[in-house]
N, C-alpha and C. Protein backbone atom coordinates (compact mmCIF):
# COMPACT_ATOMS: atom_id res chain seq x y z
N MET A 1 0.85 -1.17 0.00
CA MET A 1 0.00 0.00 0.00
C MET A 1 0.90 1.23 0.00
N ASN A 2 0.61 2.15 -0.90
CA ASN A 2 1.47 3.32 -1.01
C ASN A 2 1.07 4.39 0.02
N GLN A 3 1.89 5.42 0.09
CA GLN A 3 1.72 6.47 1.10
C GLN A 3 0.41 7.23 0.91
N ARG A 4 0.03 7.51 -0.35
CA ARG A 4 -1.22 8.23 -0.58
C ARG A 4 -2.42 7.44 -0.09
N ARG A 5 -2.36 6.14 -0.29
CA ARG A 5 -3.48 5.29 0.15
C ARG A 5 -3.57 5.27 1.67
N ARG A 6 -2.44 5.24 2.35
CA ARG A 6 -2.44 5.29 3.82
C ARG A 6 -3.03 6.60 4.32
N ILE A 7 -2.66 7.71 3.70
CA ILE A 7 -3.20 9.01 4.09
C ILE A 7 -4.71 9.03 3.87
N PHE A 8 -5.16 8.48 2.74
CA PHE A 8 -6.60 8.43 2.48
C PHE A 8 -7.32 7.63 3.55
N PHE A 9 -6.79 6.47 3.93
CA PHE A 9 -7.44 5.67 4.96
C PHE A 9 -7.37 6.34 6.32
N TYR A 10 -6.33 7.13 6.57
CA TYR A 10 -6.27 7.91 7.80
C TYR A 10 -7.43 8.90 7.84
N ILE A 11 -7.65 9.61 6.74
CA ILE A 11 -8.76 10.57 6.66
C ILE A 11 -10.09 9.85 6.81
N PHE A 12 -10.22 8.71 6.13
CA PHE A 12 -11.45 7.92 6.21
C PHE A 12 -11.70 7.46 7.65
N GLY A 13 -10.65 7.03 8.34
CA GLY A 13 -10.77 6.59 9.74
C GLY A 13 -11.15 7.74 10.66
N VAL A 14 -10.54 8.91 10.47
CA VAL A 14 -10.87 10.08 11.29
C VAL A 14 -12.33 10.47 11.07
N TYR A 15 -12.79 10.38 9.83
CA TYR A 15 -14.19 10.68 9.53
C TYR A 15 -15.11 9.75 10.33
N HIS A 16 -14.80 8.46 10.31
CA HIS A 16 -15.65 7.51 11.03
C HIS A 16 -15.56 7.69 12.54
N LEU A 17 -14.39 8.02 13.05
CA LEU A 17 -14.27 8.29 14.49
C LEU A 17 -15.08 9.52 14.89
N PHE A 18 -15.09 10.53 14.03
CA PHE A 18 -15.89 11.72 14.30
C PHE A 18 -17.38 11.37 14.33
N ILE A 19 -17.82 10.59 13.37
CA ILE A 19 -19.24 10.18 13.33
C ILE A 19 -19.58 9.37 14.58
N LEU A 20 -18.70 8.45 14.97
CA LEU A 20 -18.93 7.64 16.16
C LEU A 20 -19.02 8.50 17.41
N SER A 21 -18.09 9.45 17.55
CA SER A 21 -18.13 10.31 18.74
C SER A 21 -19.38 11.19 18.75
N PHE A 22 -19.81 11.65 17.59
CA PHE A 22 -21.02 12.45 17.50
C PHE A 22 -22.25 11.64 17.93
N VAL A 23 -22.33 10.41 17.45
CA VAL A 23 -23.47 9.56 17.81
C VAL A 23 -23.47 9.26 19.31
N ILE A 24 -22.30 9.00 19.87
CA ILE A 24 -22.22 8.74 21.31
C ILE A 24 -22.62 9.97 22.10
N TYR A 25 -22.20 11.16 21.64
CA TYR A 25 -22.58 12.40 22.32
C TYR A 25 -24.10 12.61 22.27
N VAL A 26 -24.69 12.43 21.10
CA VAL A 26 -26.14 12.63 20.97
C VAL A 26 -26.88 11.62 21.83
N GLU A 27 -26.41 10.38 21.85
CA GLU A 27 -27.08 9.36 22.66
C GLU A 27 -26.98 9.67 24.16
N SER A 28 -25.84 10.22 24.57
CA SER A 28 -25.69 10.55 25.99
C SER A 28 -26.54 11.76 26.39
N GLN A 29 -26.88 12.60 25.43
CA GLN A 29 -27.67 13.80 25.71
C GLN A 29 -29.14 13.65 25.33
N LYS A 30 -29.61 12.44 25.15
CA LYS A 30 -30.98 12.25 24.68
C LYS A 30 -32.04 12.70 25.68
N GLU A 31 -31.69 12.84 26.95
CA GLU A 31 -32.64 13.30 27.96
C GLU A 31 -32.74 14.82 27.99
N ASP A 32 -31.71 15.50 27.50
CA ASP A 32 -31.69 16.96 27.50
C ASP A 32 -32.23 17.47 26.16
N LEU A 33 -33.48 17.92 26.17
CA LEU A 33 -34.13 18.32 24.92
C LEU A 33 -33.54 19.59 24.33
N SER A 34 -32.95 20.45 25.14
CA SER A 34 -32.38 21.68 24.58
C SER A 34 -31.20 21.37 23.67
N VAL A 35 -30.40 20.35 24.03
CA VAL A 35 -29.29 19.94 23.17
C VAL A 35 -29.82 19.36 21.87
N LEU A 36 -30.86 18.55 21.97
CA LEU A 36 -31.43 17.93 20.78
C LEU A 36 -32.08 18.97 19.86
N TYR A 37 -32.75 19.96 20.45
CA TYR A 37 -33.32 21.03 19.63
C TYR A 37 -32.23 21.86 18.97
N GLY A 38 -31.13 22.05 19.67
CA GLY A 38 -30.00 22.77 19.08
C GLY A 38 -29.40 22.00 17.91
N LEU A 39 -29.33 20.70 18.05
CA LEU A 39 -28.85 19.87 16.95
C LEU A 39 -29.83 19.86 15.78
N TYR A 40 -31.10 19.90 16.09
CA TYR A 40 -32.11 19.90 15.03
C TYR A 40 -31.99 21.14 14.14
N SER A 41 -31.60 22.26 14.73
CA SER A 41 -31.44 23.48 13.93
C SER A 41 -30.23 23.40 13.01
N LYS A 42 -29.32 22.46 13.31
CA LYS A 42 -28.12 22.32 12.47
C LYS A 42 -28.12 21.00 11.70
N ILE A 43 -29.30 20.49 11.45
CA ILE A 43 -29.42 19.19 10.77
C ILE A 43 -28.88 19.25 9.34
N SER A 44 -28.89 20.42 8.73
CA SER A 44 -28.38 20.54 7.36
C SER A 44 -26.89 20.22 7.29
N LEU A 45 -26.16 20.42 8.39
CA LEU A 45 -24.74 20.08 8.40
C LEU A 45 -24.53 18.57 8.32
N LEU A 46 -25.50 17.80 8.82
CA LEU A 46 -25.40 16.35 8.73
C LEU A 46 -25.49 15.87 7.28
N LYS A 47 -26.26 16.61 6.47
CA LYS A 47 -26.32 16.24 5.05
C LYS A 47 -24.95 16.35 4.41
N TYR A 48 -24.22 17.41 4.75
CA TYR A 48 -22.88 17.59 4.18
C TYR A 48 -21.94 16.49 4.68
N GLY A 49 -22.11 16.09 5.93
CA GLY A 49 -21.30 14.99 6.45
C GLY A 49 -21.60 13.68 5.75
N ALA A 50 -22.87 13.44 5.47
CA ALA A 50 -23.26 12.22 4.75
C ALA A 50 -22.72 12.24 3.32
N VAL A 51 -22.79 13.39 2.68
CA VAL A 51 -22.24 13.52 1.32
C VAL A 51 -20.73 13.28 1.35
N LEU A 52 -20.05 13.79 2.36
CA LEU A 52 -18.61 13.56 2.48
C LEU A 52 -18.31 12.07 2.61
N GLY A 53 -19.10 11.36 3.39
CA GLY A 53 -18.92 9.92 3.54
C GLY A 53 -19.12 9.18 2.23
N ILE A 54 -20.12 9.56 1.47
CA ILE A 54 -20.37 8.93 0.18
C ILE A 54 -19.25 9.24 -0.79
N VAL A 55 -18.75 10.47 -0.77
CA VAL A 55 -17.63 10.83 -1.65
C VAL A 55 -16.39 10.02 -1.28
N LEU A 56 -16.10 9.90 0.00
CA LEU A 56 -14.94 9.10 0.42
C LEU A 56 -15.09 7.65 -0.01
N PHE A 57 -16.30 7.10 0.12
CA PHE A 57 -16.54 5.73 -0.30
C PHE A 57 -16.36 5.58 -1.81
N ALA A 58 -16.88 6.55 -2.58
CA ALA A 58 -16.74 6.50 -4.05
C ALA A 58 -15.28 6.61 -4.47
N VAL A 59 -14.53 7.47 -3.78
CA VAL A 59 -13.10 7.62 -4.09
C VAL A 59 -12.37 6.31 -3.82
N ASP A 60 -12.68 5.67 -2.71
CA ASP A 60 -12.04 4.40 -2.40
C ASP A 60 -12.40 3.34 -3.43
N PHE A 61 -13.67 3.28 -3.83
CA PHE A 61 -14.10 2.31 -4.84
C PHE A 61 -13.38 2.56 -6.17
N ALA A 62 -13.34 3.82 -6.61
CA ALA A 62 -12.67 4.15 -7.88
C ALA A 62 -11.18 3.86 -7.80
N TRP A 63 -10.56 4.20 -6.69
CA TRP A 63 -9.13 3.97 -6.52
C TRP A 63 -8.82 2.48 -6.59
N ASN A 64 -9.63 1.68 -5.95
CA ASN A 64 -9.44 0.24 -5.97
C ASN A 64 -9.63 -0.31 -7.40
N TRP A 65 -10.62 0.21 -8.12
CA TRP A 65 -10.87 -0.23 -9.48
C TRP A 65 -9.71 0.12 -10.40
N PHE A 66 -9.18 1.35 -10.30
CA PHE A 66 -8.04 1.75 -11.12
C PHE A 66 -6.82 0.91 -10.80
N GLU A 67 -6.61 0.66 -9.52
CA GLU A 67 -5.44 -0.12 -9.11
C GLU A 67 -5.52 -1.55 -9.62
N SER A 68 -6.69 -2.17 -9.54
CA SER A 68 -6.83 -3.54 -10.03
C SER A 68 -6.69 -3.60 -11.54
N ARG A 69 -7.19 -2.59 -12.25
CA ARG A 69 -7.06 -2.54 -13.71
C ARG A 69 -5.60 -2.41 -14.10
N ASN A 70 -4.86 -1.54 -13.42
CA ASN A 70 -3.44 -1.37 -13.72
C ASN A 70 -2.65 -2.63 -13.38
N ASN A 71 -3.00 -3.30 -12.28
CA ASN A 71 -2.33 -4.55 -11.93
C ASN A 71 -2.59 -5.63 -12.96
N ARG A 72 -3.81 -5.69 -13.48
CA ARG A 72 -4.14 -6.67 -14.50
C ARG A 72 -3.35 -6.41 -15.78
N LYS A 73 -3.23 -5.14 -16.18
CA LYS A 73 -2.44 -4.80 -17.37
C LYS A 73 -0.97 -5.16 -17.17
N GLU A 74 -0.45 -4.84 -16.00
CA GLU A 74 0.95 -5.16 -15.72
C GLU A 74 1.16 -6.67 -15.71
N HIS A 75 0.21 -7.40 -15.15
CA HIS A 75 0.32 -8.86 -15.12
C HIS A 75 0.32 -9.43 -16.54
N ASP A 76 -0.55 -8.92 -17.40
CA ASP A 76 -0.59 -9.38 -18.79
C ASP A 76 0.71 -9.05 -19.52
N THR A 77 1.26 -7.87 -19.28
CA THR A 77 2.52 -7.48 -19.90
C THR A 77 3.65 -8.39 -19.44
N LEU A 78 3.72 -8.67 -18.16
CA LEU A 78 4.76 -9.54 -17.63
C LEU A 78 4.60 -10.97 -18.14
N ARG A 79 3.36 -11.45 -18.26
CA ARG A 79 3.15 -12.79 -18.79
C ARG A 79 3.59 -12.88 -20.25
N HIS A 80 3.30 -11.83 -21.04
CA HIS A 80 3.73 -11.81 -22.44
C HIS A 80 5.26 -11.81 -22.53
N GLU A 81 5.90 -11.00 -21.68
CA GLU A 81 7.36 -10.95 -21.66
C GLU A 81 7.95 -12.30 -21.26
N ASN A 82 7.33 -12.95 -20.28
CA ASN A 82 7.79 -14.26 -19.84
C ASN A 82 7.67 -15.29 -20.98
N ASN A 83 6.55 -15.29 -21.69
CA ASN A 83 6.37 -16.21 -22.81
C ASN A 83 7.36 -15.94 -23.93
N THR A 84 7.66 -14.67 -24.18
CA THR A 84 8.65 -14.32 -25.20
C THR A 84 10.02 -14.85 -24.82
N LEU A 85 10.39 -14.69 -23.56
CA LEU A 85 11.69 -15.20 -23.11
C LEU A 85 11.75 -16.72 -23.17
N LYS A 86 10.64 -17.38 -22.83
CA LYS A 86 10.60 -18.83 -22.93
C LYS A 86 10.80 -19.28 -24.38
N ALA A 87 10.17 -18.57 -25.31
CA ALA A 87 10.32 -18.91 -26.73
C ALA A 87 11.76 -18.72 -27.19
N LYS A 88 12.40 -17.66 -26.74
CA LYS A 88 13.80 -17.43 -27.12
C LYS A 88 14.70 -18.52 -26.57
N VAL A 89 14.48 -18.93 -25.32
CA VAL A 89 15.27 -20.01 -24.73
C VAL A 89 15.05 -21.30 -25.51
N TYR A 90 13.82 -21.59 -25.88
CA TYR A 90 13.52 -22.79 -26.66
C TYR A 90 14.23 -22.74 -28.01
N ASP A 91 14.20 -21.57 -28.66
CA ASP A 91 14.90 -21.42 -29.94
C ASP A 91 16.39 -21.65 -29.80
N PHE A 92 16.99 -21.13 -28.74
CA PHE A 92 18.43 -21.34 -28.52
C PHE A 92 18.73 -22.82 -28.28
N GLN A 93 17.87 -23.49 -27.55
CA GLN A 93 18.08 -24.91 -27.29
C GLN A 93 17.96 -25.73 -28.57
N GLN A 94 17.01 -25.37 -29.41
CA GLN A 94 16.84 -26.10 -30.66
C GLN A 94 17.99 -25.84 -31.62
N ALA A 95 18.56 -24.63 -31.59
CA ALA A 95 19.69 -24.31 -32.47
C ALA A 95 20.94 -25.06 -32.03
N ALA A 96 21.06 -25.37 -30.76
CA ALA A 96 22.25 -26.06 -30.26
C ALA A 96 22.20 -27.55 -30.55
N LYS A 97 21.05 -28.12 -30.79
CA LYS A 97 20.94 -29.55 -31.08
C LYS A 97 21.40 -29.82 -32.51
N PRO A 98 22.07 -30.95 -32.71
CA PRO A 98 22.47 -31.29 -34.08
C PRO A 98 21.24 -31.66 -34.90
N PRO A 99 21.25 -31.31 -36.17
CA PRO A 99 20.09 -31.65 -37.01
C PRO A 99 19.93 -33.14 -37.15
N VAL A 100 18.74 -33.60 -37.23
CA VAL A 100 18.45 -35.02 -37.36
C VAL A 100 18.51 -35.37 -38.85
N LYS A 101 19.35 -36.40 -39.19
CA LYS A 101 19.45 -36.83 -40.59
C LYS A 101 18.40 -37.92 -40.82
N GLU A 102 17.70 -37.76 -41.88
CA GLU A 102 16.68 -38.73 -42.21
C GLU A 102 17.29 -39.83 -43.05
N THR A 103 16.95 -41.04 -42.78
CA THR A 103 17.41 -42.18 -43.58
C THR A 103 16.31 -42.55 -44.55
N PRO A 104 16.71 -43.00 -45.73
CA PRO A 104 15.65 -43.38 -46.68
C PRO A 104 14.86 -44.57 -46.13
N ALA A 105 13.62 -44.54 -46.30
CA ALA A 105 12.74 -45.59 -45.81
C ALA A 105 12.89 -46.81 -46.71
N SER A 106 12.90 -47.98 -46.12
CA SER A 106 13.00 -49.20 -46.91
C SER A 106 11.62 -49.57 -47.46
N LYS A 107 11.66 -50.04 -48.71
CA LYS A 107 10.40 -50.35 -49.37
C LYS A 107 10.21 -51.81 -49.45
């Protein structure tokens, strides 16, 4: 995993920790209606948080898709190169063998 991917997962983890702490805070304050009414007035901020979560998920999905596609291309390239080298080795081995002389068939 490269450095950019680690940084992305760090941001993704911090996002989830923030959501978890927010939910725990709201649950602990469920008896105090003034806190809940205050949160209700800022409910539009939760939409932005949800959109951020979806964007992070989409970025991770796209990143994984691009990475697997590039790995597949690299694998195909390496397999082609390996087959080419095998063919060259086979050709060298066949060139080193003495030619087979055919004898006339008896009738």
